[in-house]
Amino acid sequence: MNEKDLVDAVAASVDDSKTVTGETIIAVLGVVTRSVTAGDVVQLDGFESVSMGQYPVRIGRNPSMGAEIQITAEKTLKVAVGKVFTDAVGGP
């Protein structure tokens, strides 16, 4: 499903115009993005929760030379799928 399909489905479901529905979806996704990047956890009960994690600085090995290298810290996105959504798609 792409963005247009999502807007069409939601607009039909709430009986509103596609323009207003599209703007609302974009606004909601913007709020979620800003919240997660600010360090908040966004939790939609039964569906999923989204948060930001971080890998620490660590030591690794260069596979071709075998020399130790320092791997920089990096941020990561954590997504945990909720039980209701997992059950709906037939997961474990």
PDB file of N, CA and C in Angstrom:
ATOM      1  N   MET A   1       0.860  -1.171   0.000  1.00  0.00           N
ATOM      2  CA  MET A   1       0.000   0.000   0.000  1.00  0.00           C
ATOM      3  C   MET A   1       0.904   1.231   0.000  1.00  0.00           C
ATOM      4  N   ASN A   2       0.678   2.132  -0.914  1.00  0.00           N
ATOM      5  CA  ASN A   2       1.452   3.367  -0.938  1.00  0.00           C
ATOM      6  C   ASN A   2       0.646   4.494  -0.287  1.00  0.00           C
ATOM      7  N   GLU A   3       1.210   5.692  -0.268  1.00  0.00           N
ATOM      8  CA  GLU A   3       0.561   6.817   0.410  1.00  0.00           C
ATOM      9  C   GLU A   3      -0.813   7.129  -0.187  1.00  0.00           C
ATOM     10  N   LYS A   4      -0.921   7.108  -1.507  1.00  0.00           N
ATOM     11  CA  LYS A   4      -2.203   7.411  -2.153  1.00  0.00           C
ATOM     12  C   LYS A   4      -3.260   6.390  -1.752  1.00  0.00           C
ATOM     13  N   ASP A   5      -2.896   5.109  -1.750  1.00  0.00           N
ATOM     14  CA  ASP A   5      -3.843   4.065  -1.348  1.00  0.00           C
ATOM     15  C   ASP A   5      -4.286   4.246   0.101  1.00  0.00           C
ATOM     16  N   LEU A   6      -3.342   4.604   0.967  1.00  0.00           N
ATOM     17  CA  LEU A   6      -3.659   4.836   2.372  1.00  0.00           C
ATOM     18  C   LEU A   6      -4.636   6.004   2.521  1.00  0.00           C
ATOM     19  N   VAL A   7      -4.356   7.099   1.837  1.00  0.00           N
ATOM     20  CA  VAL A   7      -5.236   8.273   1.897  1.00  0.00           C
ATOM     21  C   VAL A   7      -6.627   7.912   1.382  1.00  0.00           C
ATOM     22  N   ASP A   8      -6.700   7.191   0.267  1.00  0.00           N
ATOM     23  CA  ASP A   8      -7.992   6.793  -0.289  1.00  0.00           C
ATOM     24  C   ASP A   8      -8.782   5.934   0.700  1.00  0.00           C
ATOM     25  N   ALA A   9      -8.110   4.955   1.319  1.00  0.00           N
ATOM     26  CA  ALA A   9      -8.790   4.047   2.250  1.00  0.00           C
ATOM     27  C   ALA A   9      -9.269   4.779   3.500  1.00  0.00           C
ATOM     28  N   VAL A  10      -8.419   5.639   4.065  1.00  0.00           N
ATOM     29  CA  VAL A  10      -8.813   6.372   5.273  1.00  0.00           C
ATOM     30  C   VAL A  10      -9.923   7.368   4.948  1.00  0.00           C
ATOM     31  N   ALA A  11      -9.819   8.065   3.827  1.00  0.00           N
ATOM     32  CA  ALA A  11     -10.852   9.035   3.437  1.00  0.00           C
ATOM     33  C   ALA A  11     -12.207   8.346   3.277  1.00  0.00           C
ATOM     34  N   ALA A  12     -12.228   7.177   2.670  1.00  0.00           N
ATOM     35  CA  ALA A  12     -13.477   6.429   2.513  1.00  0.00           C
ATOM     36  C   ALA A  12     -14.003   5.950   3.863  1.00  0.00           C
ATOM     37  N   SER A  13     -13.092   5.577   4.746  1.00  0.00           N
ATOM     38  CA  SER A  13     -13.478   5.072   6.056  1.00  0.00           C
ATOM     39  C   SER A  13     -14.082   6.152   6.942  1.00  0.00           C
ATOM     40  N   VAL A  14     -13.556   7.380   6.879  1.00  0.00           N
ATOM     41  CA  VAL A  14     -14.050   8.460   7.736  1.00  0.00           C
ATOM     42  C   VAL A  14     -14.993   9.405   6.998  1.00  0.00           C
ATOM     43  N   ASP A  15     -15.235   9.108   5.726  1.00  0.00           N
ATOM     44  CA  ASP A  15     -16.145   9.903   4.902  1.00  0.00           C
ATOM     45  C   ASP A  15     -15.743  11.380   4.889  1.00  0.00           C
ATOM     46  N   ASP A  16     -14.479  11.619   4.539  1.00  0.00           N
ATOM     47  CA  ASP A  16     -13.949  12.985   4.450  1.00  0.00           C
ATOM     48  C   ASP A  16     -13.219  13.116   3.117  1.00  0.00           C
ATOM     49  N   SER A  17     -12.843  14.335   2.787  1.00  0.00           N
ATOM     50  CA  SER A  17     -12.161  14.549   1.515  1.00  0.00           C
ATOM     51  C   SER A  17     -10.749  13.974   1.555  1.00  0.00           C
ATOM     52  N   LYS A  18     -10.249  13.609   0.379  1.00  0.00           N
ATOM     53  CA  LYS A  18      -8.904  13.052   0.290  1.00  0.00           C
ATOM     54  C   LYS A  18      -7.851  14.102   0.640  1.00  0.00           C
ATOM     55  N   THR A  19      -8.110  15.358   0.327  1.00  0.00           N
ATOM     56  CA  THR A  19      -7.159  16.428   0.628  1.00  0.00           C
ATOM     57  C   THR A  19      -6.978  16.580   2.130  1.00  0.00           C
ATOM     58  N   VAL A  20      -8.070  16.693   2.849  1.00  0.00           N
ATOM     59  CA  VAL A  20      -8.008  16.859   4.306  1.00  0.00           C
ATOM     60  C   VAL A  20      -7.412  15.609   4.952  1.00  0.00           C
ATOM     61  N   THR A  21      -7.809  14.440   4.480  1.00  0.00           N
ATOM     62  CA  THR A  21      -7.288  13.190   5.028  1.00  0.00           C
ATOM     63  C   THR A  21      -5.782  13.081   4.800  1.00  0.00           C
ATOM     64  N   GLY A  22      -5.316  13.414   3.604  1.00  0.00           N
ATOM     65  CA  GLY A  22      -3.886  13.373   3.303  1.00  0.00           C
ATOM     66  C   GLY A  22      -3.096  14.317   4.179  1.00  0.00           C
ATOM     67  N   GLU A  23      -3.598  15.545   4.369  1.00  0.00           N
ATOM     68  CA  GLU A  23      -2.926  16.516   5.234  1.00  0.00           C
ATOM     69  C   GLU A  23      -2.883  16.023   6.680  1.00  0.00           C
ATOM     70  N   THR A  24      -3.952  15.382   7.126  1.00  0.00           N
ATOM     71  CA  THR A  24      -4.009  14.859   8.492  1.00  0.00           C
ATOM     72  C   THR A  24      -3.000  13.732   8.691  1.00  0.00           C
ATOM     73  N   ILE A  25      -2.927  12.829   7.730  1.00  0.00           N
ATOM     74  CA  ILE A  25      -1.970  11.717   7.837  1.00  0.00           C
ATOM     75  C   ILE A  25      -0.542  12.249   7.875  1.00  0.00           C
ATOM     76  N   ILE A  26      -0.215  13.202   7.006  1.00  0.00           N
ATOM     77  CA  ILE A  26       1.127  13.798   6.983  1.00  0.00           C
ATOM     78  C   ILE A  26       1.419  14.488   8.321  1.00  0.00           C
ATOM     79  N   ALA A  27       0.427  15.180   8.882  1.00  0.00           N
ATOM     80  CA  ALA A  27       0.609  15.856  10.168  1.00  0.00           C
ATOM     81  C   ALA A  27       0.864  14.849  11.287  1.00  0.00           C
ATOM     82  N   VAL A  28       0.114  13.756  11.296  1.00  0.00           N
ATOM     83  CA  VAL A  28       0.287  12.733  12.333  1.00  0.00           C
ATOM     84  C   VAL A  28       1.680  12.114  12.236  1.00  0.00           C
ATOM     85  N   LEU A  29       2.108  11.785  11.030  1.00  0.00           N
ATOM     86  CA  LEU A  29       3.437  11.197  10.857  1.00  0.00           C
ATOM     87  C   LEU A  29       4.536  12.182  11.247  1.00  0.00           C
ATOM     88  N   GLY A  30       4.317  13.470  11.006  1.00  0.00           N
ATOM     89  CA  GLY A  30       5.280  14.486  11.430  1.00  0.00           C
ATOM     90  C   GLY A  30       5.396  14.565  12.943  1.00  0.00           C
ATOM     91  N   VAL A  31       4.266  14.500  13.633  1.00  0.00           N
ATOM     92  CA  VAL A  31       4.263  14.536  15.097  1.00  0.00           C
ATOM     93  C   VAL A  31       4.969  13.293  15.655  1.00  0.00           C
ATOM     94  N   VAL A  32       4.701  12.132  15.069  1.00  0.00           N
ATOM     95  CA  VAL A  32       5.357  10.899  15.512  1.00  0.00           C
ATOM     96  C   VAL A  32       6.863  11.011  15.320  1.00  0.00           C
ATOM     97  N   THR A  33       7.291  11.487  14.160  1.00  0.00           N
ATOM     98  CA  THR A  33       8.721  11.625  13.875  1.00  0.00           C
ATOM     99  C   THR A  33       9.397  12.571  14.858  1.00  0.00           C
ATOM    100  N   ARG A  34       8.791  13.726  15.101  1.00  0.00           N
ATOM    101  CA  ARG A  34       9.374  14.690  16.046  1.00  0.00           C
ATOM    102  C   ARG A  34       9.414  14.124  17.460  1.00  0.00           C
ATOM    103  N   SER A  35       8.391  13.408  17.857  1.00  0.00           N
ATOM    104  CA  SER A  35       8.353  12.832  19.205  1.00  0.00           C
ATOM    105  C   SER A  35       9.435  11.780  19.394  1.00  0.00           C
ATOM    106  N   VAL A  36       9.592  10.896  18.418  1.00  0.00           N
ATOM    107  CA  VAL A  36      10.601   9.842  18.529  1.00  0.00           C
ATOM    108  C   VAL A  36      12.002  10.430  18.522  1.00  0.00           C
ATOM    109  N   THR A  37      12.263  11.413  17.653  1.00  0.00           N
ATOM    110  CA  THR A  37      13.599  12.013  17.620  1.00  0.00           C
ATOM    111  C   THR A  37      13.886  12.823  18.878  1.00  0.00           C
ATOM    112  N   ALA A  38      12.851  13.244  19.593  1.00  0.00           N
ATOM    113  CA  ALA A  38      13.045  13.954  20.858  1.00  0.00           C
ATOM    114  C   ALA A  38      13.269  12.983  22.022  1.00  0.00           C
ATOM    115  N   GLY A  39      13.179  11.683  21.751  1.00  0.00           N
ATOM    116  CA  GLY A  39      13.428  10.692  22.793  1.00  0.00           C
ATOM    117  C   GLY A  39      12.173  10.100  23.406  1.00  0.00           C
ATOM    118  N   ASP A  40      11.013  10.500  22.932  1.00  0.00           N
ATOM    119  CA  ASP A  40       9.767   9.944  23.464  1.00  0.00           C
ATOM    120  C   ASP A  40       9.466   8.589  22.835  1.00  0.00           C
ATOM    121  N   VAL A  41       8.648   7.806  23.519  1.00  0.00           N
ATOM    122  CA  VAL A  41       8.145   6.550  22.976  1.00  0.00           C
ATOM    123  C   VAL A  41       6.731   6.815  22.492  1.00  0.00           C
ATOM    124  N   VAL A  42       6.451   6.474  21.245  1.00  0.00           N
ATOM    125  CA  VAL A  42       5.104   6.617  20.697  1.00  0.00           C
ATOM    126  C   VAL A  42       4.480   5.235  20.708  1.00  0.00           C
ATOM    127  N   GLN A  43       3.405   5.094  21.471  1.00  0.00           N
ATOM    128  CA  GLN A  43       2.779   3.790  21.630  1.00  0.00           C
ATOM    129  C   GLN A  43       1.328   3.850  21.187  1.00  0.00           C
ATOM    130  N   LEU A  44       0.995   3.023  20.218  1.00  0.00           N
ATOM    131  CA  LEU A  44      -0.381   2.879  19.764  1.00  0.00           C
ATOM    132  C   LEU A  44      -0.838   1.515  20.269  1.00  0.00           C
ATOM    133  N   ASP A  45      -1.657   1.519  21.324  1.00  0.00           N
ATOM    134  CA  ASP A  45      -2.028   0.281  22.016  1.00  0.00           C
ATOM    135  C   ASP A  45      -2.552  -0.777  21.046  1.00  0.00           C
ATOM    136  N   GLY A  46      -1.994  -1.958  21.159  1.00  0.00           N
ATOM    137  CA  GLY A  46      -2.393  -3.084  20.335  1.00  0.00           C
ATOM    138  C   GLY A  46      -1.752  -3.113  18.969  1.00  0.00           C
ATOM    139  N   PHE A  47      -1.204  -1.996  18.513  1.00  0.00           N
ATOM    140  CA  PHE A  47      -0.635  -1.939  17.173  1.00  0.00           C
ATOM    141  C   PHE A  47       0.889  -1.999  17.222  1.00  0.00           C
ATOM    142  N   GLU A  48       1.510  -0.971  17.774  1.00  0.00           N
ATOM    143  CA  GLU A  48       2.964  -0.961  17.876  1.00  0.00           C
ATOM    144  C   GLU A  48       3.433   0.162  18.780  1.00  0.00           C
ATOM    145  N   SER A  49       4.707   0.076  19.153  1.00  0.00           N
ATOM    146  CA  SER A  49       5.343   1.201  19.822  1.00  0.00           C
ATOM    147  C   SER A  49       6.647   1.482  19.087  1.00  0.00           C
ATOM    148  N   VAL A  50       6.978   2.761  18.987  1.00  0.00           N
ATOM    149  CA  VAL A  50       8.164   3.199  18.258  1.00  0.00           C
ATOM    150  C   VAL A  50       8.988   4.058  19.195  1.00  0.00           C
ATOM    151  N   SER A  51      10.286   3.778  19.262  1.00  0.00           N
ATOM    152  CA  SER A  51      11.177   4.570  20.093  1.00  0.00           C
ATOM    153  C   SER A  51      12.552   4.611  19.446  1.00  0.00           C
ATOM    154  N   MET A  52      13.424   5.419  20.018  1.00  0.00           N
ATOM    155  CA  MET A  52      14.772   5.542  19.502  1.00  0.00           C
ATOM    156  C   MET A  52      15.728   4.836  20.454  1.00  0.00           C
ATOM    157  N   GLY A  53      16.643   4.074  19.913  1.00  0.00           N
ATOM    158  CA  GLY A  53      17.667   3.410  20.703  1.00  0.00           C
ATOM    159  C   GLY A  53      19.028   3.903  20.263  1.00  0.00           C
ATOM    160  N   GLN A  54      20.069   3.350  20.857  1.00  0.00           N
ATOM    161  CA  GLN A  54      21.408   3.772  20.482  1.00  0.00           C
ATOM    162  C   GLN A  54      22.391   2.636  20.699  1.00  0.00           C
ATOM    163  N   TYR A  55      23.231   2.408  19.700  1.00  0.00           N
ATOM    164  CA  TYR A  55      24.343   1.489  19.843  1.00  0.00           C
ATOM    165  C   TYR A  55      25.513   2.279  20.421  1.00  0.00           C
ATOM    166  N   PRO A  56      26.203   1.747  21.415  1.00  0.00           N
ATOM    167  CA  PRO A  56      27.343   2.467  21.987  1.00  0.00           C
ATOM    168  C   PRO A  56      28.577   2.352  21.084  1.00  0.00           C
ATOM    169  N   VAL A  57      29.582   3.161  21.378  1.00  0.00           N
ATOM    170  CA  VAL A  57      30.874   3.031  20.712  1.00  0.00           C
ATOM    171  C   VAL A  57      31.434   1.669  21.088  1.00  0.00           C
ATOM    172  N   ARG A  58      31.997   0.964  20.112  1.00  0.00           N
ATOM    173  CA  ARG A  58      32.530  -0.359  20.409  1.00  0.00           C
ATOM    174  C   ARG A  58      33.753  -0.648  19.537  1.00  0.00           C
ATOM    175  N   ILE A  59      34.459  -1.685  19.898  1.00  0.00           N
ATOM    176  CA  ILE A  59      35.658  -2.088  19.176  1.00  0.00           C
ATOM    177  C   ILE A  59      35.296  -3.257  18.257  1.00  0.00           C
ATOM    178  N   GLY A  60      35.718  -3.171  17.008  1.00  0.00           N
ATOM    179  CA  GLY A  60      35.503  -4.235  16.038  1.00  0.00           C
ATOM    180  C   GLY A  60      36.820  -4.584  15.370  1.00  0.00           C
ATOM    181  N   ARG A  61      36.759  -5.443  14.389  1.00  0.00           N
ATOM    182  CA  ARG A  61      37.959  -5.837  13.648  1.00  0.00           C
ATOM    183  C   ARG A  61      37.745  -5.593  12.165  1.00  0.00           C
ATOM    184  N   ASN A  62      38.776  -5.064  11.520  1.00  0.00           N
ATOM    185  CA  ASN A  62      38.781  -4.913  10.077  1.00  0.00           C
ATOM    186  C   ASN A  62      38.907  -6.324   9.488  1.00  0.00           C
ATOM    187  N   PRO A  63      37.919  -6.778   8.725  1.00  0.00           N
ATOM    188  CA  PRO A  63      37.953  -8.159   8.257  1.00  0.00           C
ATOM    189  C   PRO A  63      39.123  -8.481   7.318  1.00  0.00           C
ATOM    190  N   SER A  64      39.609  -7.517   6.580  1.00  0.00           N
ATOM    191  CA  SER A  64      40.690  -7.816   5.644  1.00  0.00           C
ATOM    192  C   SER A  64      42.071  -7.769   6.301  1.00  0.00           C
ATOM    193  N   MET A  65      42.260  -6.912   7.286  1.00  0.00           N
ATOM    194  CA  MET A  65      43.573  -6.745   7.915  1.00  0.00           C
ATOM    195  C   MET A  65      43.640  -7.341   9.326  1.00  0.00           C
ATOM    196  N   GLY A  66      42.489  -7.502   9.964  1.00  0.00           N
ATOM    197  CA  GLY A  66      42.471  -8.037  11.316  1.00  0.00           C
ATOM    198  C   GLY A  66      42.769  -7.005  12.391  1.00  0.00           C
ATOM    199  N   ALA A  67      42.991  -5.762  11.991  1.00  0.00           N
ATOM    200  CA  ALA A  67      43.316  -4.712  12.959  1.00  0.00           C
ATOM    201  C   ALA A  67      42.050  -4.266  13.698  1.00  0.00           C
ATOM    202  N   GLU A  68      42.225  -3.871  14.957  1.00  0.00           N
ATOM    203  CA  GLU A  68      41.100  -3.346  15.728  1.00  0.00           C
ATOM    204  C   GLU A  68      40.716  -1.969  15.193  1.00  0.00           C
ATOM    205  N   ILE A  69      39.415  -1.734  15.130  1.00  0.00           N
ATOM    206  CA  ILE A  69      38.913  -0.417  14.729  1.00  0.00           C
ATOM    207  C   ILE A  69      37.829   0.002  15.711  1.00  0.00           C
ATOM    208  N   GLN A  70      37.643   1.296  15.837  1.00  0.00           N
ATOM    209  CA  GLN A  70      36.589   1.802  16.709  1.00  0.00           C
ATOM    210  C   GLN A  70      35.352   2.055  15.856  1.00  0.00           C
ATOM    211  N   ILE A  71      34.243   1.448  16.255  1.00  0.00           N
ATOM    212  CA  ILE A  71      32.973   1.629  15.566  1.00  0.00           C
ATOM    213  C   ILE A  71      32.212   2.706  16.317  1.00  0.00           C
ATOM    214  N   THR A  72      31.813   3.741  15.614  1.00  0.00           N
ATOM    215  CA  THR A  72      31.159   4.888  16.254  1.00  0.00           C
ATOM    216  C   THR A  72      29.758   4.525  16.750  1.00  0.00           C
ATOM    217  N   ALA A  73      29.293   5.299  17.702  1.00  0.00           N
ATOM    218  CA  ALA A  73      27.934   5.133  18.221  1.00  0.00           C
ATOM    219  C   ALA A  73      26.950   5.562  17.139  1.00  0.00           C
ATOM    220  N   GLU A  74      25.796   4.926  17.125  1.00  0.00           N
ATOM    221  CA  GLU A  74      24.780   5.346  16.176  1.00  0.00           C
ATOM    222  C   GLU A  74      23.393   5.149  16.761  1.00  0.00           C
ATOM    223  N   LYS A  75      22.477   5.976  16.307  1.00  0.00           N
ATOM    224  CA  LYS A  75      21.095   5.885  16.754  1.00  0.00           C
ATOM    225  C   LYS A  75      20.365   4.876  15.885  1.00  0.00           C
ATOM    226  N   THR A  76      19.362   4.240  16.478  1.00  0.00           N
ATOM    227  CA  THR A  76      18.587   3.242  15.761  1.00  0.00           C
ATOM    228  C   THR A  76      17.112   3.399  16.111  1.00  0.00           C
ATOM    229  N   LEU A  77      16.276   2.876  15.294  1.00  0.00           N
ATOM    230  CA  LEU A  77      14.841   2.940  15.507  1.00  0.00           C
ATOM    231  C   LEU A  77      14.366   1.593  16.028  1.00  0.00           C
ATOM    232  N   LYS A  78      13.602   1.611  17.121  1.00  0.00           N
ATOM    233  CA  LYS A  78      13.050   0.383  17.685  1.00  0.00           C
ATOM    234  C   LYS A  78      11.548   0.367  17.415  1.00  0.00           C
ATOM    235  N   VAL A  79      11.080  -0.719  16.845  1.00  0.00           N
ATOM    236  CA  VAL A  79       9.651  -0.887  16.592  1.00  0.00           C
ATOM    237  C   VAL A  79       9.230  -2.210  17.212  1.00  0.00           C
ATOM    238  N   ALA A  80       8.273  -2.157  18.127  1.00  0.00           N
ATOM    239  CA  ALA A  80       7.743  -3.360  18.754  1.00  0.00           C
ATOM    240  C   ALA A  80       6.282  -3.496  18.328  1.00  0.00           C
ATOM    241  N   VAL A  81       5.973  -4.596  17.687  1.00  0.00           N
ATOM    242  CA  VAL A  81       4.621  -4.818  17.184  1.00  0.00           C
ATOM    243  C   VAL A  81       3.745  -5.320  18.320  1.00  0.00           C
ATOM    244  N   GLY A  82       2.537  -4.767  18.410  1.00  0.00           N
ATOM    245  CA  GLY A  82       1.608  -5.123  19.476  1.00  0.00           C
ATOM    246  C   GLY A  82       0.927  -6.459  19.248  1.00  0.00           C
ATOM    247  N   LYS A  83       0.387  -7.023  20.327  1.00  0.00           N
ATOM    248  CA  LYS A  83      -0.247  -8.338  20.285  1.00  0.00           C
ATOM    249  C   LYS A  83      -1.471  -8.360  19.374  1.00  0.00           C
ATOM    250  N   VAL A  84      -2.294  -7.339  19.418  1.00  0.00           N
ATOM    251  CA  VAL A  84      -3.506  -7.315  18.595  1.00  0.00           C
ATOM    252  C   VAL A  84      -3.134  -7.368  17.117  1.00  0.00           C
ATOM    253  N   PHE A  85      -2.116  -6.595  16.717  1.00  0.00           N
ATOM    254  CA  PHE A  85      -1.677  -6.569  15.322  1.00  0.00           C
ATOM    255  C   PHE A  85      -1.034  -7.900  14.946  1.00  0.00           C
ATOM    256  N   THR A  86      -0.218  -8.449  15.824  1.00  0.00           N
ATOM    257  CA  THR A  86       0.419  -9.744  15.564  1.00  0.00           C
ATOM    258  C   THR A  86      -0.621 -10.841  15.394  1.00  0.00           C
ATOM    259  N   ASP A  87      -1.621 -10.859  16.261  1.00  0.00           N
ATOM    260  CA  ASP A  87      -2.683 -11.858  16.165  1.00  0.00           C
ATOM    261  C   ASP A  87      -3.484 -11.685  14.866  1.00  0.00           C
ATOM    262  N   ALA A  88      -3.698 -10.444  14.437  1.00  0.00           N
ATOM    263  CA  ALA A  88      -4.488 -10.190  13.229  1.00  0.00           C
ATOM    264  C   ALA A  88      -3.800 -10.705  11.971  1.00  0.00           C
ATOM    265  N   VAL A  89      -2.472 -10.675  11.956  1.00  0.00           N
ATOM    266  CA  VAL A  89      -1.752 -11.156  10.777  1.00  0.00           C
ATOM    267  C   VAL A  89      -1.309 -12.608  10.919  1.00  0.00           C
ATOM    268  N   GLY A  90      -1.670 -13.245  12.017  1.00  0.00           N
ATOM    269  CA  GLY A  90      -1.402 -14.657  12.207  1.00  0.00           C
ATOM    270  C   GLY A  90      -0.003 -14.975  12.681  1.00  0.00           C
ATOM    271  N   GLY A  91       0.580 -14.066  13.439  1.00  0.00           N
ATOM    272  CA  GLY A  91       1.926 -14.299  13.966  1.00  0.00           C
ATOM    273  C   GLY A  91       1.921 -15.202  15.173  1.00  0.00           C
ATOM    274  N   PRO A  92       3.108 -15.477  15.706  1.00  0.00           N
ATOM    275  CA  PRO A  92       3.220 -16.373  16.879  1.00  0.00           C
ATOM    276  C   PRO A  92       2.657 -15.769  18.144  1.00  0.00           C
TER     277      PRO A  92
END
